[in-house]
Amino acid sequence: MDRKPASVWFARAALLAVLIANMTAAIPYVLRPADYAAAYELTGVPGEVVVRGFGILYLMWAVPFIPAIWHPARNRVTFAVVLAMQAIGLAGESLMLAGLPAGHAVLRATGLRFIAFDGAGLVILLIAYRASRIAT
């Protein structure tokens, strides 16, 4: 039986929680993009294609989570990549929101949701990264 320190299990749980949360956006975006296009002020086929593309990007973003979940202490570089992706997402969303002109309340609300989501995910992952260092 594999007896890992609690810090490794905590890191795995944190990574898995953020991954699952990401998938709650990715899968619906891929399967039902029309339901989400209005949140980006998009309509019709072009809106569906853009939202489905976002979902595919979120699925791609999930790949590095797998080895990090498998063994967060051994796969430090992959875990660091996950952290970098999360930080880039948060920074990019914040910059987009800061540059958004007035009159786009729906886009602003969407941006704020992503910032809150990615900010919370980054904090959780940073704590997990630090905790998983104990196991090395």
N, C-alpha and C. Protein backbone atom coordinates (compact mmCIF):
# COMPACT_ATOMS: atom_id res chain seq x y z
N MET A 1 0.83 -1.17 0.00
CA MET A 1 0.00 0.00 0.00
C MET A 1 0.88 1.24 0.00
N ASP A 2 0.49 2.23 -0.78
CA ASP A 2 1.23 3.47 -0.92
C ASP A 2 0.88 4.40 0.24
N ARG A 3 1.84 4.66 1.10
CA ARG A 3 1.59 5.51 2.27
C ARG A 3 2.28 6.85 2.05
N LYS A 4 1.57 7.78 1.47
CA LYS A 4 2.08 9.12 1.19
C LYS A 4 1.77 10.03 2.37
N PRO A 5 2.64 11.01 2.57
CA PRO A 5 2.34 11.99 3.62
C PRO A 5 1.05 12.75 3.31
N ALA A 6 0.44 13.25 4.36
CA ALA A 6 -0.81 14.00 4.21
C ALA A 6 -0.64 15.18 3.27
N SER A 7 0.55 15.77 3.22
CA SER A 7 0.77 16.93 2.35
C SER A 7 0.62 16.57 0.88
N VAL A 8 1.01 15.35 0.51
CA VAL A 8 0.85 14.91 -0.88
C VAL A 8 -0.62 14.72 -1.19
N TRP A 9 -1.36 14.12 -0.27
CA TRP A 9 -2.79 13.92 -0.49
C TRP A 9 -3.53 15.25 -0.54
N PHE A 10 -3.11 16.22 0.30
CA PHE A 10 -3.70 17.55 0.24
C PHE A 10 -3.45 18.19 -1.13
N ALA A 11 -2.22 18.10 -1.62
CA ALA A 11 -1.88 18.67 -2.92
C ALA A 11 -2.70 18.00 -4.03
N ARG A 12 -2.81 16.69 -3.97
CA ARG A 12 -3.62 15.98 -4.96
C ARG A 12 -5.07 16.45 -4.93
N ALA A 13 -5.61 16.56 -3.74
CA ALA A 13 -7.01 16.99 -3.60
C ALA A 13 -7.20 18.41 -4.13
N ALA A 14 -6.26 19.29 -3.84
CA ALA A 14 -6.36 20.68 -4.32
C ALA A 14 -6.28 20.72 -5.84
N LEU A 15 -5.32 20.02 -6.41
CA LEU A 15 -5.19 19.96 -7.87
C LEU A 15 -6.46 19.38 -8.50
N LEU A 16 -6.95 18.31 -7.93
CA LEU A 16 -8.15 17.67 -8.47
C LEU A 16 -9.36 18.60 -8.36
N ALA A 17 -9.48 19.32 -7.26
CA ALA A 17 -10.60 20.25 -7.10
C ALA A 17 -10.57 21.35 -8.15
N VAL A 18 -9.40 21.92 -8.41
CA VAL A 18 -9.29 22.97 -9.42
C VAL A 18 -9.54 22.38 -10.81
N LEU A 19 -9.02 21.19 -11.06
CA LEU A 19 -9.26 20.54 -12.35
C LEU A 19 -10.75 20.29 -12.57
N ILE A 20 -11.42 19.77 -11.58
CA ILE A 20 -12.86 19.52 -11.71
C ILE A 20 -13.61 20.82 -11.94
N ALA A 21 -13.24 21.85 -11.21
CA ALA A 21 -13.88 23.16 -11.41
C ALA A 21 -13.66 23.65 -12.85
N ASN A 22 -12.45 23.48 -13.36
CA ASN A 22 -12.18 23.87 -14.75
C ASN A 22 -13.05 23.06 -15.72
N MET A 23 -13.23 21.79 -15.43
CA MET A 23 -14.02 20.94 -16.32
C MET A 23 -15.50 21.31 -16.29
N THR A 24 -15.95 21.92 -15.18
CA THR A 24 -17.35 22.35 -15.14
C THR A 24 -17.61 23.49 -16.12
N ALA A 25 -16.57 24.16 -16.56
CA ALA A 25 -16.71 25.15 -17.63
C ALA A 25 -16.42 24.50 -18.98
N ALA A 26 -15.37 23.72 -19.05
CA ALA A 26 -14.92 23.16 -20.33
C ALA A 26 -15.98 22.29 -21.00
N ILE A 27 -16.51 21.35 -20.28
CA ILE A 27 -17.42 20.38 -20.89
C ILE A 27 -18.72 21.03 -21.37
N PRO A 28 -19.37 21.85 -20.57
CA PRO A 28 -20.57 22.52 -21.10
C PRO A 28 -20.27 23.45 -22.28
N TYR A 29 -19.12 24.11 -22.26
CA TYR A 29 -18.76 24.98 -23.38
C TYR A 29 -18.62 24.17 -24.67
N VAL A 30 -18.07 22.98 -24.56
CA VAL A 30 -17.90 22.13 -25.75
C VAL A 30 -19.24 21.54 -26.19
N LEU A 31 -20.04 21.08 -25.23
CA LEU A 31 -21.28 20.39 -25.58
C LEU A 31 -22.45 21.32 -25.89
N ARG A 32 -22.53 22.47 -25.20
CA ARG A 32 -23.67 23.39 -25.37
C ARG A 32 -23.20 24.84 -25.50
N PRO A 33 -22.39 25.14 -26.47
CA PRO A 33 -21.82 26.49 -26.56
C PRO A 33 -22.86 27.60 -26.71
N ALA A 34 -23.99 27.31 -27.32
CA ALA A 34 -25.03 28.32 -27.52
C ALA A 34 -25.55 28.85 -26.19
N ASP A 35 -25.50 28.01 -25.15
CA ASP A 35 -25.98 28.42 -23.83
C ASP A 35 -25.09 29.49 -23.19
N TYR A 36 -23.87 29.64 -23.68
CA TYR A 36 -22.89 30.51 -23.03
C TYR A 36 -22.41 31.67 -23.91
N ALA A 37 -22.77 31.67 -25.16
CA ALA A 37 -22.28 32.69 -26.09
C ALA A 37 -22.68 34.10 -25.67
N ALA A 38 -23.87 34.27 -25.14
CA ALA A 38 -24.35 35.60 -24.75
C ALA A 38 -23.49 36.22 -23.65
N ALA A 39 -22.87 35.40 -22.82
CA ALA A 39 -22.00 35.91 -21.76
C ALA A 39 -20.77 36.62 -22.33
N TYR A 40 -20.50 36.36 -23.60
CA TYR A 40 -19.37 36.98 -24.29
C TYR A 40 -19.85 37.98 -25.35
N GLU A 41 -21.14 38.33 -25.28
CA GLU A 41 -21.77 39.23 -26.24
C GLU A 41 -21.63 38.71 -27.68
N LEU A 42 -21.77 37.39 -27.81
CA LEU A 42 -21.68 36.72 -29.11
C LEU A 42 -23.01 36.04 -29.41
N THR A 43 -23.28 35.86 -30.70
CA THR A 43 -24.52 35.20 -31.11
C THR A 43 -24.27 34.28 -32.28
N GLY A 44 -25.23 33.43 -32.54
CA GLY A 44 -25.23 32.58 -33.73
C GLY A 44 -24.07 31.61 -33.80
N VAL A 45 -23.83 31.13 -35.01
CA VAL A 45 -22.78 30.14 -35.24
C VAL A 45 -21.41 30.68 -34.84
N PRO A 46 -21.06 31.93 -35.18
CA PRO A 46 -19.74 32.42 -34.75
C PRO A 46 -19.58 32.38 -33.22
N GLY A 47 -20.63 32.76 -32.49
CA GLY A 47 -20.57 32.70 -31.03
C GLY A 47 -20.38 31.30 -30.51
N GLU A 48 -21.10 30.35 -31.12
CA GLU A 48 -20.96 28.95 -30.70
C GLU A 48 -19.56 28.42 -30.97
N VAL A 49 -19.00 28.78 -32.10
CA VAL A 49 -17.65 28.32 -32.45
C VAL A 49 -16.62 28.89 -31.47
N VAL A 50 -16.75 30.16 -31.13
CA VAL A 50 -15.81 30.79 -30.20
C VAL A 50 -15.92 30.13 -28.82
N VAL A 51 -17.12 29.95 -28.32
CA VAL A 51 -17.30 29.35 -27.00
C VAL A 51 -16.83 27.90 -27.00
N ARG A 52 -17.14 27.15 -28.04
CA ARG A 52 -16.65 25.77 -28.13
C ARG A 52 -15.12 25.77 -28.14
N GLY A 53 -14.53 26.73 -28.83
CA GLY A 53 -13.07 26.86 -28.84
C GLY A 53 -12.52 27.12 -27.44
N PHE A 54 -13.21 27.97 -26.67
CA PHE A 54 -12.81 28.19 -25.28
C PHE A 54 -12.82 26.87 -24.52
N GLY A 55 -13.88 26.10 -24.70
CA GLY A 55 -13.98 24.81 -24.02
C GLY A 55 -12.85 23.88 -24.38
N ILE A 56 -12.50 23.86 -25.66
CA ILE A 56 -11.37 23.01 -26.09
C ILE A 56 -10.07 23.49 -25.46
N LEU A 57 -9.88 24.80 -25.39
CA LEU A 57 -8.69 25.34 -24.72
C LEU A 57 -8.65 24.93 -23.25
N TYR A 58 -9.80 24.97 -22.58
CA TYR A 58 -9.84 24.55 -21.18
C TYR A 58 -9.48 23.07 -21.05
N LEU A 59 -9.93 22.26 -21.99
CA LEU A 59 -9.57 20.84 -21.97
C LEU A 59 -8.06 20.67 -22.15
N MET A 60 -7.49 21.44 -23.08
CA MET A 60 -6.04 21.38 -23.28
C MET A 60 -5.31 21.82 -22.02
N TRP A 61 -5.84 22.83 -21.37
CA TRP A 61 -5.25 23.37 -20.16
C TRP A 61 -5.21 22.31 -19.05
N ALA A 62 -6.09 21.35 -19.11
CA ALA A 62 -6.19 20.33 -18.07
C ALA A 62 -5.06 19.30 -18.11
N VAL A 63 -4.43 19.13 -19.24
CA VAL A 63 -3.44 18.05 -19.40
C VAL A 63 -2.35 18.06 -18.34
N PRO A 64 -1.70 19.18 -18.05
CA PRO A 64 -0.63 19.13 -17.04
C PRO A 64 -1.09 18.80 -15.64
N PHE A 65 -2.38 18.94 -15.38
CA PHE A 65 -2.88 18.59 -14.06
C PHE A 65 -2.69 17.10 -13.77
N ILE A 66 -2.78 16.26 -14.80
CA ILE A 66 -2.77 14.81 -14.59
C ILE A 66 -1.47 14.33 -13.93
N PRO A 67 -0.28 14.62 -14.51
CA PRO A 67 0.93 14.17 -13.81
C PRO A 67 1.15 14.87 -12.47
N ALA A 68 0.69 16.11 -12.37
CA ALA A 68 0.83 16.80 -11.09
C ALA A 68 -0.03 16.13 -10.02
N ILE A 69 -1.23 15.70 -10.39
CA ILE A 69 -2.08 14.97 -9.45
C ILE A 69 -1.47 13.61 -9.12
N TRP A 70 -0.94 12.95 -10.13
CA TRP A 70 -0.37 11.61 -9.94
C TRP A 70 0.68 11.62 -8.84
N HIS A 71 1.62 12.58 -8.92
CA HIS A 71 2.62 12.69 -7.86
C HIS A 71 3.13 14.12 -7.79
N PRO A 72 2.46 14.95 -6.99
CA PRO A 72 2.80 16.37 -6.94
C PRO A 72 4.23 16.65 -6.46
N ALA A 73 4.76 15.81 -5.59
CA ALA A 73 6.11 16.05 -5.08
C ALA A 73 7.18 15.70 -6.12
N ARG A 74 6.95 14.68 -6.90
CA ARG A 74 7.93 14.28 -7.92
C ARG A 74 7.80 15.09 -9.21
N ASN A 75 6.59 15.51 -9.51
CA ASN A 75 6.35 16.25 -10.75
C ASN A 75 6.26 17.75 -10.48
N ARG A 76 7.30 18.27 -9.83
CA ARG A 76 7.33 19.68 -9.44
C ARG A 76 7.27 20.61 -10.65
N VAL A 77 7.98 20.25 -11.71
CA VAL A 77 7.98 21.12 -12.89
C VAL A 77 6.57 21.20 -13.47
N THR A 78 5.89 20.08 -13.56
CA THR A 78 4.53 20.08 -14.09
C THR A 78 3.60 20.86 -13.17
N PHE A 79 3.78 20.71 -11.89
CA PHE A 79 2.98 21.46 -10.92
C PHE A 79 3.25 22.96 -11.11
N ALA A 80 4.51 23.33 -11.32
CA ALA A 80 4.85 24.74 -11.55
C ALA A 80 4.20 25.25 -12.84
N VAL A 81 4.11 24.40 -13.85
CA VAL A 81 3.44 24.78 -15.10
C VAL A 81 1.96 25.06 -14.82
N VAL A 82 1.33 24.23 -14.01
CA VAL A 82 -0.08 24.45 -13.63
C VAL A 82 -0.22 25.80 -12.94
N LEU A 83 0.69 26.09 -12.03
CA LEU A 83 0.66 27.39 -11.34
C LEU A 83 0.83 28.54 -12.32
N ALA A 84 1.77 28.39 -13.25
CA ALA A 84 2.01 29.45 -14.24
C ALA A 84 0.78 29.66 -15.11
N MET A 85 0.14 28.58 -15.54
CA MET A 85 -1.07 28.71 -16.36
C MET A 85 -2.16 29.45 -15.59
N GLN A 86 -2.31 29.11 -14.33
CA GLN A 86 -3.34 29.73 -13.51
C GLN A 86 -3.04 31.22 -13.34
N ALA A 87 -1.78 31.56 -13.09
CA ALA A 87 -1.38 32.96 -12.91
C ALA A 87 -1.55 33.75 -14.21
N ILE A 88 -1.18 33.15 -15.33
CA ILE A 88 -1.35 33.82 -16.63
C ILE A 88 -2.82 34.07 -16.91
N GLY A 89 -3.66 33.08 -16.62
CA GLY A 89 -5.10 33.25 -16.81
C GLY A 89 -5.63 34.40 -15.97
N LEU A 90 -5.25 34.45 -14.71
CA LEU A 90 -5.70 35.51 -13.82
C LEU A 90 -5.21 36.88 -14.29
N ALA A 91 -3.94 36.97 -14.64
CA ALA A 91 -3.38 38.24 -15.11
C ALA A 91 -4.03 38.69 -16.41
N GLY A 92 -4.20 37.77 -17.34
CA GLY A 92 -4.81 38.10 -18.62
C GLY A 92 -6.24 38.56 -18.47
N GLU A 93 -7.00 37.85 -17.65
CA GLU A 93 -8.40 38.24 -17.42
C GLU A 93 -8.49 39.60 -16.75
N SER A 94 -7.58 39.86 -15.83
CA SER A 94 -7.56 41.16 -15.14
C SER A 94 -7.23 42.28 -16.11
N LEU A 95 -6.27 42.06 -17.00
CA LEU A 95 -5.93 43.07 -18.01
C LEU A 95 -7.08 43.31 -18.97
N MET A 96 -7.73 42.23 -19.40
CA MET A 96 -8.88 42.40 -20.29
C MET A 96 -9.98 43.20 -19.61
N LEU A 97 -10.25 42.90 -18.36
CA LEU A 97 -11.29 43.62 -17.63
C LEU A 97 -10.92 45.09 -17.47
N ALA A 98 -9.66 45.35 -17.15
CA ALA A 98 -9.21 46.74 -16.96
C ALA A 98 -9.35 47.55 -18.25
N GLY A 99 -9.21 46.91 -19.40
CA GLY A 99 -9.30 47.60 -20.68
C GLY A 99 -10.69 47.61 -21.29
N LEU A 100 -11.65 47.02 -20.60
CA LEU A 100 -13.01 46.94 -21.14
C LEU A 100 -13.72 48.29 -21.01
N PRO A 101 -14.17 48.84 -22.12
CA PRO A 101 -14.86 50.13 -22.04
C PRO A 101 -16.23 49.98 -21.37
N ALA A 102 -16.75 51.11 -20.93
CA ALA A 102 -18.08 51.13 -20.31
C ALA A 102 -19.12 50.62 -21.29
N GLY A 103 -20.22 50.13 -20.75
CA GLY A 103 -21.32 49.68 -21.59
C GLY A 103 -21.33 48.19 -21.90
N HIS A 104 -20.49 47.44 -21.23
CA HIS A 104 -20.43 45.99 -21.46
C HIS A 104 -20.62 45.26 -20.13
N ALA A 105 -21.77 45.45 -19.52
CA ALA A 105 -22.04 44.89 -18.19
C ALA A 105 -21.96 43.37 -18.18
N VAL A 106 -22.44 42.73 -19.22
CA VAL A 106 -22.41 41.26 -19.27
C VAL A 106 -20.98 40.76 -19.36
N LEU A 107 -20.18 41.37 -20.22
CA LEU A 107 -18.76 40.98 -20.33
C LEU A 107 -18.03 41.25 -19.02
N ARG A 108 -18.34 42.37 -18.39
CA ARG A 108 -17.70 42.71 -17.11
C ARG A 108 -18.03 41.64 -16.06
N ALA A 109 -19.28 41.25 -15.98
CA ALA A 109 -19.70 40.22 -15.01
C ALA A 109 -19.01 38.89 -15.31
N THR A 110 -18.92 38.54 -16.58
CA THR A 110 -18.24 37.30 -16.96
C THR A 110 -16.77 37.37 -16.56
N GLY A 111 -16.14 38.49 -16.85
CA GLY A 111 -14.73 38.66 -16.48
C GLY A 111 -14.51 38.58 -14.98
N LEU A 112 -15.38 39.21 -14.22
CA LEU A 112 -15.25 39.15 -12.76
C LEU A 112 -15.40 37.74 -12.23
N ARG A 113 -16.32 36.96 -12.82
CA ARG A 113 -16.47 35.55 -12.40
C ARG A 113 -15.20 34.77 -12.67
N PHE A 114 -14.60 34.97 -13.85
CA PHE A 114 -13.36 34.25 -14.17
C PHE A 114 -12.22 34.68 -13.27
N ILE A 115 -12.14 35.97 -12.97
CA ILE A 115 -11.08 36.47 -12.09
C ILE A 115 -11.23 35.86 -10.69
N ALA A 116 -12.44 35.85 -10.17
CA ALA A 116 -12.68 35.26 -8.85
C ALA A 116 -12.34 33.77 -8.85
N PHE A 117 -12.79 33.08 -9.88
CA PHE A 117 -12.56 31.64 -10.00
C PHE A 117 -11.07 31.33 -10.10
N ASP A 118 -10.37 32.02 -11.01
CA ASP A 118 -8.94 31.75 -11.20
C ASP A 118 -8.10 32.26 -10.03
N GLY A 119 -8.53 33.34 -9.41
CA GLY A 119 -7.82 33.82 -8.23
C GLY A 119 -7.90 32.83 -7.08
N ALA A 120 -9.09 32.32 -6.83
CA ALA A 120 -9.25 31.32 -5.77
C ALA A 120 -8.46 30.06 -6.11
N GLY A 121 -8.52 29.64 -7.36
CA GLY A 121 -7.76 28.46 -7.78
C GLY A 121 -6.26 28.65 -7.59
N LEU A 122 -5.76 29.84 -7.91
CA LEU A 122 -4.33 30.11 -7.76
C LEU A 122 -3.93 30.05 -6.28
N VAL A 123 -4.72 30.62 -5.41
CA VAL A 123 -4.41 30.58 -3.98
C VAL A 123 -4.38 29.14 -3.48
N ILE A 124 -5.39 28.37 -3.85
CA ILE A 124 -5.45 26.96 -3.44
C ILE A 124 -4.24 26.19 -3.96
N LEU A 125 -3.89 26.41 -5.22
CA LEU A 125 -2.76 25.70 -5.81
C LEU A 125 -1.42 26.13 -5.20
N LEU A 126 -1.27 27.40 -4.88
CA LEU A 126 -0.03 27.86 -4.23
C LEU A 126 0.15 27.20 -2.86
N ILE A 127 -0.94 27.11 -2.11
CA ILE A 127 -0.88 26.43 -0.81
C ILE A 127 -0.53 24.96 -1.00
N ALA A 128 -1.14 24.33 -1.98
CA ALA A 128 -0.87 22.91 -2.25
C ALA A 128 0.57 22.70 -2.71
N TYR A 129 1.06 23.60 -3.54
CA TYR A 129 2.45 23.49 -4.03
C TYR A 129 3.41 23.56 -2.85
N ARG A 130 3.17 24.51 -1.99
CA ARG A 130 4.02 24.66 -0.79
C ARG A 130 3.91 23.41 0.09
N ALA A 131 2.72 22.94 0.29
CA ALA A 131 2.53 21.76 1.13
C ALA A 131 3.20 20.52 0.53
N SER A 132 3.16 20.39 -0.78
CA SER A 132 3.74 19.20 -1.41
C SER A 132 5.26 19.20 -1.34
N ARG A 133 5.86 20.34 -1.10
CA ARG A 133 7.33 20.39 -0.94
C ARG A 133 7.77 19.63 0.29
N ILE A 134 6.91 19.53 1.26
CA ILE A 134 7.22 18.82 2.50
C ILE A 134 7.52 17.35 2.21
N ALA A 135 6.86 16.81 1.17
CA ALA A 135 6.99 15.39 0.86
C ALA A 135 8.25 15.06 0.06
N THR A 136 8.99 16.07 -0.40
CA THR A 136 10.17 15.77 -1.22
C THR A 136 11.37 15.46 -0.38
